[in-house]
Amino acid sequence: MGDAFMNAAITVTEMRIPGCLQLHFPAYADRRGSFVKVYRRSDFAESALEVEFAESFHTVSGERVLRGMHLQLPPAHHSKLVYCVAGRVLDVVLDLRRGSPAFGSHAAIELSPEGNSGLYLPHGVAHGFYVLQAPSIMAYHVTSEHAAALDAGVRWNSFGAPWPDNDPVMSTRDAALPPLCDFDSPFEFRPLAEAPG
């Protein structure tokens, strides 16, 4: 790997949900395999994204699994960096920020290791995914630690997302989440430049 790759910046593309960004990761491949840069503090700071992650984790999911739609309530709310390191998923985000021009709207994108991309999600945006190719491994970096009492979400089939399966494999907890129409959102929309960092 040369200096050009090591100095390559993570680039961003805004999604149709304000503040939700698709991140394009610099990647280098040779006969050994590949090397992908998923986080560089200076790139995040330059794009006015939060740069301090409090917790990282990953999930391993089998065929037809759907996880979502999840987020944490204040004061444990967080921004999130997510990406797929194995398999392939349909990743879905849902804007739950009052005052957002996209409040109640969703966006969907396929993520896979071959795509060398991930998503940055601000506070108040719920996240979920459906496994298109198993096993799927999703990695997460979040700006607050998990707080079970403040775990929340919206039912997966209550907001018109284009899920490819009407009867996915999911947890009892996810299946019992409230529909979007019953979710009393505590989140207010703030452009990224005004978000805490």
C-alpha atoms as a PDB file:
ATOM      1  CA  MET A   1       0.000   0.000   0.000  1.00  0.00           C
ATOM      2  CA  GLY A   2       1.338   3.371  -0.982  1.00  0.00           C
ATOM      3  CA  ASP A   3       1.072   6.809   0.562  1.00  0.00           C
ATOM      4  CA  ALA A   4      -1.713   7.720  -1.879  1.00  0.00           C
ATOM      5  CA  PHE A   5      -3.971   5.055  -0.449  1.00  0.00           C
ATOM      6  CA  MET A   6      -3.033   5.674   3.176  1.00  0.00           C
ATOM      7  CA  ASN A   7      -3.841   9.370   2.733  1.00  0.00           C
ATOM      8  CA  ALA A   8      -7.054   8.796   0.767  1.00  0.00           C
ATOM      9  CA  ALA A   9     -10.078  10.440   2.348  1.00  0.00           C
ATOM     10  CA  ILE A  10     -13.401   8.868   3.243  1.00  0.00           C
ATOM     11  CA  THR A  11     -15.928  10.651   1.050  1.00  0.00           C
ATOM     12  CA  VAL A  12     -19.601  11.281   1.728  1.00  0.00           C
ATOM     13  CA  THR A  13     -22.814  11.377  -0.283  1.00  0.00           C
ATOM     14  CA  GLU A  14     -25.956  12.787   1.313  1.00  0.00           C
ATOM     15  CA  MET A  15     -28.963  10.489   1.255  1.00  0.00           C
ATOM     16  CA  ARG A  16     -32.523  11.769   0.856  1.00  0.00           C
ATOM     17  CA  ILE A  17     -32.887  11.764   4.655  1.00  0.00           C
ATOM     18  CA  PRO A  18     -31.098  14.948   5.863  1.00  0.00           C
ATOM     19  CA  GLY A  19     -27.981  14.189   7.862  1.00  0.00           C
ATOM     20  CA  CYS A  20     -27.900  10.536   6.782  1.00  0.00           C
ATOM     21  CA  LEU A  21     -24.753  10.013   4.773  1.00  0.00           C
ATOM     22  CA  GLN A  22     -23.413   7.213   2.643  1.00  0.00           C
ATOM     23  CA  LEU A  23     -19.697   6.934   3.376  1.00  0.00           C
ATOM     24  CA  HIS A  24     -17.389   5.710   0.630  1.00  0.00           C
ATOM     25  CA  PHE A  25     -14.371   3.959   2.125  1.00  0.00           C
ATOM     26  CA  PRO A  26     -10.923   3.990   0.508  1.00  0.00           C
ATOM     27  CA  ALA A  27     -10.033   0.406  -0.398  1.00  0.00           C
ATOM     28  CA  TYR A  28      -6.853  -1.279  -1.549  1.00  0.00           C
ATOM     29  CA  ALA A  29      -6.720  -4.781  -3.040  1.00  0.00           C
ATOM     30  CA  ASP A  30      -3.885  -7.038  -4.111  1.00  0.00           C
ATOM     31  CA  ARG A  31      -3.266 -10.782  -4.409  1.00  0.00           C
ATOM     32  CA  ARG A  32      -3.499 -11.159  -0.602  1.00  0.00           C
ATOM     33  CA  GLY A  33      -6.982  -9.647  -0.345  1.00  0.00           C
ATOM     34  CA  SER A  34      -8.086  -6.157   0.606  1.00  0.00           C
ATOM     35  CA  PHE A  35      -7.619  -3.348   3.129  1.00  0.00           C
ATOM     36  CA  VAL A  36     -10.491  -0.922   3.779  1.00  0.00           C
ATOM     37  CA  LYS A  37     -10.377   2.285   5.831  1.00  0.00           C
ATOM     38  CA  VAL A  38     -13.753   2.835   7.544  1.00  0.00           C
ATOM     39  CA  TYR A  39     -12.947   5.676   9.925  1.00  0.00           C
ATOM     40  CA  ARG A  40     -10.585   8.625  10.018  1.00  0.00           C
ATOM     41  CA  ARG A  41     -11.221  11.280  12.633  1.00  0.00           C
ATOM     42  CA  SER A  42     -10.173  14.197  10.417  1.00  0.00           C
ATOM     43  CA  ASP A  43     -12.548  13.162   7.611  1.00  0.00           C
ATOM     44  CA  PHE A  44     -15.470  12.933  10.039  1.00  0.00           C
ATOM     45  CA  ALA A  45     -14.625  16.297  11.619  1.00  0.00           C
ATOM     46  CA  GLU A  46     -14.345  17.955   8.214  1.00  0.00           C
ATOM     47  CA  SER A  47     -17.882  16.772   7.403  1.00  0.00           C
ATOM     48  CA  ALA A  48     -19.207  17.999  10.817  1.00  0.00           C
ATOM     49  CA  LEU A  49     -19.832  14.420  11.998  1.00  0.00           C
ATOM     50  CA  GLU A  50     -19.396  13.243  15.559  1.00  0.00           C
ATOM     51  CA  VAL A  51     -15.906  11.835  15.967  1.00  0.00           C
ATOM     52  CA  GLU A  52     -15.962  10.128  19.387  1.00  0.00           C
ATOM     53  CA  PHE A  53     -17.390   6.603  19.489  1.00  0.00           C
ATOM     54  CA  ALA A  54     -18.294   5.149  22.894  1.00  0.00           C
ATOM     55  CA  GLU A  55     -19.049   1.565  21.867  1.00  0.00           C
ATOM     56  CA  SER A  56     -18.462  -0.795  18.932  1.00  0.00           C
ATOM     57  CA  PHE A  57     -20.091  -4.136  18.203  1.00  0.00           C
ATOM     58  CA  HIS A  58     -21.164  -6.416  15.385  1.00  0.00           C
ATOM     59  CA  THR A  59     -24.025  -8.767  14.603  1.00  0.00           C
ATOM     60  CA  VAL A  60     -23.946 -12.074  12.741  1.00  0.00           C
ATOM     61  CA  SER A  61     -27.255 -12.908  11.051  1.00  0.00           C
ATOM     62  CA  GLY A  62     -28.585 -15.849   9.074  1.00  0.00           C
ATOM     63  CA  GLU A  63     -30.914 -16.146   6.089  1.00  0.00           C
ATOM     64  CA  ARG A  64     -34.059 -13.986   6.006  1.00  0.00           C
ATOM     65  CA  VAL A  65     -33.196 -12.256   9.286  1.00  0.00           C
ATOM     66  CA  LEU A  66     -34.567  -8.755   9.836  1.00  0.00           C
ATOM     67  CA  ARG A  67     -33.209  -6.597  12.668  1.00  0.00           C
ATOM     68  CA  GLY A  68     -34.843  -3.235  13.382  1.00  0.00           C
ATOM     69  CA  MET A  69     -35.960  -0.614  13.515  1.00  0.00           C
ATOM     70  CA  HIS A  70     -33.754   0.476  16.429  1.00  0.00           C
ATOM     71  CA  LEU A  71     -32.534   3.617  18.176  1.00  0.00           C
ATOM     72  CA  GLN A  72     -31.922   4.869  21.721  1.00  0.00           C
ATOM     73  CA  LEU A  73     -33.888   7.613  23.449  1.00  0.00           C
ATOM     74  CA  PRO A  74     -32.342  10.692  25.113  1.00  0.00           C
ATOM     75  CA  PRO A  75     -30.180  11.106  27.061  1.00  0.00           C
ATOM     76  CA  ALA A  76     -28.549   7.912  25.688  1.00  0.00           C
ATOM     77  CA  HIS A  77     -29.298   8.756  22.027  1.00  0.00           C
ATOM     78  CA  HIS A  78     -26.441   8.367  19.613  1.00  0.00           C
ATOM     79  CA  SER A  79     -25.130   8.835  16.131  1.00  0.00           C
ATOM     80  CA  LYS A  80     -24.079   5.647  14.408  1.00  0.00           C
ATOM     81  CA  LEU A  81     -21.636   4.376  11.779  1.00  0.00           C
ATOM     82  CA  VAL A  82     -22.741   1.053  10.237  1.00  0.00           C
ATOM     83  CA  TYR A  83     -21.251  -1.122   7.510  1.00  0.00           C
ATOM     84  CA  CYS A  84     -21.385  -4.695   6.245  1.00  0.00           C
ATOM     85  CA  VAL A  85     -18.241  -6.835   6.496  1.00  0.00           C
ATOM     86  CA  ALA A  86     -19.702 -10.133   5.232  1.00  0.00           C
ATOM     87  CA  GLY A  87     -22.769 -11.131   3.239  1.00  0.00           C
ATOM     88  CA  ARG A  88     -25.178  -8.560   1.830  1.00  0.00           C
ATOM     89  CA  VAL A  89     -28.036  -6.618   3.427  1.00  0.00           C
ATOM     90  CA  LEU A  90     -30.831  -4.238   2.555  1.00  0.00           C
ATOM     91  CA  ASP A  91     -30.199  -1.434   5.035  1.00  0.00           C
ATOM     92  CA  VAL A  92     -33.120   0.841   5.958  1.00  0.00           C
ATOM     93  CA  VAL A  93     -33.192   4.151   7.843  1.00  0.00           C
ATOM     94  CA  LEU A  94     -36.257   5.988   9.177  1.00  0.00           C
ATOM     95  CA  ASP A  95     -36.348   9.677  10.121  1.00  0.00           C
ATOM     96  CA  LEU A  96     -38.023  10.196  13.521  1.00  0.00           C
ATOM     97  CA  ARG A  97     -36.913  13.815  14.088  1.00  0.00           C
ATOM     98  CA  ARG A  98     -39.764  16.302  14.474  1.00  0.00           C
ATOM     99  CA  GLY A  99     -39.284  19.266  12.179  1.00  0.00           C
ATOM    100  CA  SER A 100     -37.213  17.307   9.680  1.00  0.00           C
ATOM    101  CA  PRO A 101     -38.270  17.787   6.050  1.00  0.00           C
ATOM    102  CA  ALA A 102     -38.167  13.966   5.845  1.00  0.00           C
ATOM    103  CA  PHE A 103     -39.945  13.176   9.148  1.00  0.00           C
ATOM    104  CA  GLY A 104     -41.576   9.742   8.861  1.00  0.00           C
ATOM    105  CA  SER A 105     -39.753   8.994   5.603  1.00  0.00           C
ATOM    106  CA  HIS A 106     -37.362   6.144   4.986  1.00  0.00           C
ATOM    107  CA  ALA A 107     -34.474   5.336   2.662  1.00  0.00           C
ATOM    108  CA  ALA A 108     -33.030   1.957   1.704  1.00  0.00           C
ATOM    109  CA  ILE A 109     -29.653   0.945   0.322  1.00  0.00           C
ATOM    110  CA  GLU A 110     -27.790  -2.327  -0.212  1.00  0.00           C
ATOM    111  CA  LEU A 111     -24.589  -2.766   1.761  1.00  0.00           C
ATOM    112  CA  SER A 112     -21.897  -5.392   1.179  1.00  0.00           C
ATOM    113  CA  PRO A 113     -18.131  -5.657   1.598  1.00  0.00           C
ATOM    114  CA  GLU A 114     -17.681  -5.320  -2.162  1.00  0.00           C
ATOM    115  CA  GLY A 115     -19.382  -1.924  -2.111  1.00  0.00           C
ATOM    116  CA  ASN A 116     -16.804  -0.437   0.288  1.00  0.00           C
ATOM    117  CA  SER A 117     -19.398   1.851   1.810  1.00  0.00           C
ATOM    118  CA  GLY A 118     -21.345   2.375   4.994  1.00  0.00           C
ATOM    119  CA  LEU A 119     -23.827   4.761   6.562  1.00  0.00           C
ATOM    120  CA  TYR A 120     -23.562   7.556   9.100  1.00  0.00           C
ATOM    121  CA  LEU A 121     -26.857   8.104  10.940  1.00  0.00           C
ATOM    122  CA  PRO A 122     -27.517  11.093  13.234  1.00  0.00           C
ATOM    123  CA  HIS A 123     -29.536  11.138  16.468  1.00  0.00           C
ATOM    124  CA  GLY A 124     -33.232  10.377  15.943  1.00  0.00           C
ATOM    125  CA  VAL A 125     -32.867   8.146  12.891  1.00  0.00           C
ATOM    126  CA  ALA A 126     -33.934   4.522  13.383  1.00  0.00           C
ATOM    127  CA  HIS A 127     -31.968   1.761  11.690  1.00  0.00           C
ATOM    128  CA  GLY A 128     -32.655  -1.773  10.538  1.00  0.00           C
ATOM    129  CA  PHE A 129     -31.609  -4.276   7.918  1.00  0.00           C
ATOM    130  CA  TYR A 130     -32.697  -7.459   6.145  1.00  0.00           C
ATOM    131  CA  VAL A 131     -30.219 -10.191   5.198  1.00  0.00           C
ATOM    132  CA  LEU A 132     -30.042 -10.717   1.437  1.00  0.00           C
ATOM    133  CA  GLN A 133     -27.008 -13.022   1.575  1.00  0.00           C
ATOM    134  CA  ALA A 134     -26.082 -14.992   4.682  1.00  0.00           C
ATOM    135  CA  PRO A 135     -24.214 -15.104   6.886  1.00  0.00           C
ATOM    136  CA  SER A 136     -24.230 -11.349   7.189  1.00  0.00           C
ATOM    137  CA  ILE A 137     -21.951  -9.468   9.577  1.00  0.00           C
ATOM    138  CA  MET A 138     -22.825  -5.865  10.349  1.00  0.00           C
ATOM    139  CA  ALA A 139     -20.418  -3.625  12.280  1.00  0.00           C
ATOM    140  CA  TYR A 140     -21.566  -0.662  14.370  1.00  0.00           C
ATOM    141  CA  HIS A 141     -19.783   2.253  16.042  1.00  0.00           C
ATOM    142  CA  VAL A 142     -22.032   4.392  18.260  1.00  0.00           C
ATOM    143  CA  THR A 143     -21.477   7.618  20.195  1.00  0.00           C
ATOM    144  CA  SER A 144     -23.126   6.460  23.440  1.00  0.00           C
ATOM    145  CA  GLU A 145     -23.099   3.215  25.363  1.00  0.00           C
ATOM    146  CA  HIS A 146     -26.064   0.865  25.257  1.00  0.00           C
ATOM    147  CA  ALA A 147     -28.760   1.695  27.802  1.00  0.00           C
ATOM    148  CA  ALA A 148     -31.371  -1.066  27.948  1.00  0.00           C
ATOM    149  CA  ALA A 149     -33.978   1.152  29.620  1.00  0.00           C
ATOM    150  CA  LEU A 150     -33.724   3.664  26.746  1.00  0.00           C
ATOM    151  CA  ASP A 151     -33.734   1.153  23.910  1.00  0.00           C
ATOM    152  CA  ALA A 152     -36.581   1.949  21.502  1.00  0.00           C
ATOM    153  CA  GLY A 153     -37.736   1.529  17.954  1.00  0.00           C
ATOM    154  CA  VAL A 154     -40.508   1.321  15.412  1.00  0.00           C
ATOM    155  CA  ARG A 155     -42.168  -1.775  13.961  1.00  0.00           C
ATOM    156  CA  TRP A 156     -40.505  -2.850  10.737  1.00  0.00           C
ATOM    157  CA  ASN A 157     -43.679  -3.042   8.589  1.00  0.00           C
ATOM    158  CA  SER A 158     -45.413   0.161   9.728  1.00  0.00           C
ATOM    159  CA  PHE A 159     -43.853   2.785   7.454  1.00  0.00           C
ATOM    160  CA  GLY A 160     -43.784   1.391   3.920  1.00  0.00           C
ATOM    161  CA  ALA A 161     -40.170   0.185   3.624  1.00  0.00           C
ATOM    162  CA  PRO A 162     -39.475  -2.093   0.629  1.00  0.00           C
ATOM    163  CA  TRP A 163     -38.641  -5.218   2.606  1.00  0.00           C
ATOM    164  CA  PRO A 164     -38.277  -8.254   0.307  1.00  0.00           C
ATOM    165  CA  ASP A 165     -39.946 -10.631   2.788  1.00  0.00           C
ATOM    166  CA  ASN A 166     -43.380 -10.454   4.469  1.00  0.00           C
ATOM    167  CA  ASP A 167     -42.477 -13.022   7.121  1.00  0.00           C
ATOM    168  CA  PRO A 168     -38.828 -12.472   8.094  1.00  0.00           C
ATOM    169  CA  VAL A 169     -36.954 -14.139  10.938  1.00  0.00           C
ATOM    170  CA  MET A 170     -36.872 -11.655  13.810  1.00  0.00           C
ATOM    171  CA  SER A 171     -36.811 -11.297  17.572  1.00  0.00           C
ATOM    172  CA  THR A 172     -39.953 -11.194  19.693  1.00  0.00           C
ATOM    173  CA  ARG A 173     -38.879  -7.756  20.891  1.00  0.00           C
ATOM    174  CA  ASP A 174     -38.596  -6.342  17.355  1.00  0.00           C
ATOM    175  CA  ALA A 175     -41.948  -7.820  16.329  1.00  0.00           C
ATOM    176  CA  ALA A 176     -43.591  -6.062  19.305  1.00  0.00           C
ATOM    177  CA  LEU A 177     -42.194  -2.572  18.648  1.00  0.00           C
ATOM    178  CA  PRO A 178     -44.873   0.127  18.206  1.00  0.00           C
ATOM    179  CA  PRO A 179     -45.953   1.206  14.728  1.00  0.00           C
ATOM    180  CA  LEU A 180     -44.706   4.544  13.441  1.00  0.00           C
ATOM    181  CA  CYS A 181     -48.119   6.157  14.068  1.00  0.00           C
ATOM    182  CA  ASP A 182     -47.828   5.351  17.800  1.00  0.00           C
ATOM    183  CA  PHE A 183     -44.215   6.407  18.283  1.00  0.00           C
ATOM    184  CA  ASP A 184     -44.100   9.644  20.302  1.00  0.00           C
ATOM    185  CA  SER A 185     -40.786  11.026  19.136  1.00  0.00           C
ATOM    186  CA  PRO A 186     -38.620  13.025  21.558  1.00  0.00           C
ATOM    187  CA  PHE A 187     -36.227  13.986  18.763  1.00  0.00           C
ATOM    188  CA  GLU A 188     -35.962  17.412  17.116  1.00  0.00           C
ATOM    189  CA  PHE A 189     -34.298  17.963  13.769  1.00  0.00           C
ATOM    190  CA  ARG A 190     -30.999  19.821  13.747  1.00  0.00           C
ATOM    191  CA  PRO A 191     -28.765  20.166  10.686  1.00  0.00           C
ATOM    192  CA  LEU A 192     -25.419  18.360  11.061  1.00  0.00           C
ATOM    193  CA  ALA A 193     -23.494  21.605  11.611  1.00  0.00           C
ATOM    194  CA  GLU A 194     -25.631  22.259  14.700  1.00  0.00           C
ATOM    195  CA  ALA A 195     -25.515  18.717  16.079  1.00  0.00           C
ATOM    196  CA  PRO A 196     -23.381  18.051  19.153  1.00  0.00           C
ATOM    197  CA  GLY A 197     -19.895  16.877  18.272  1.00  0.00           C
END
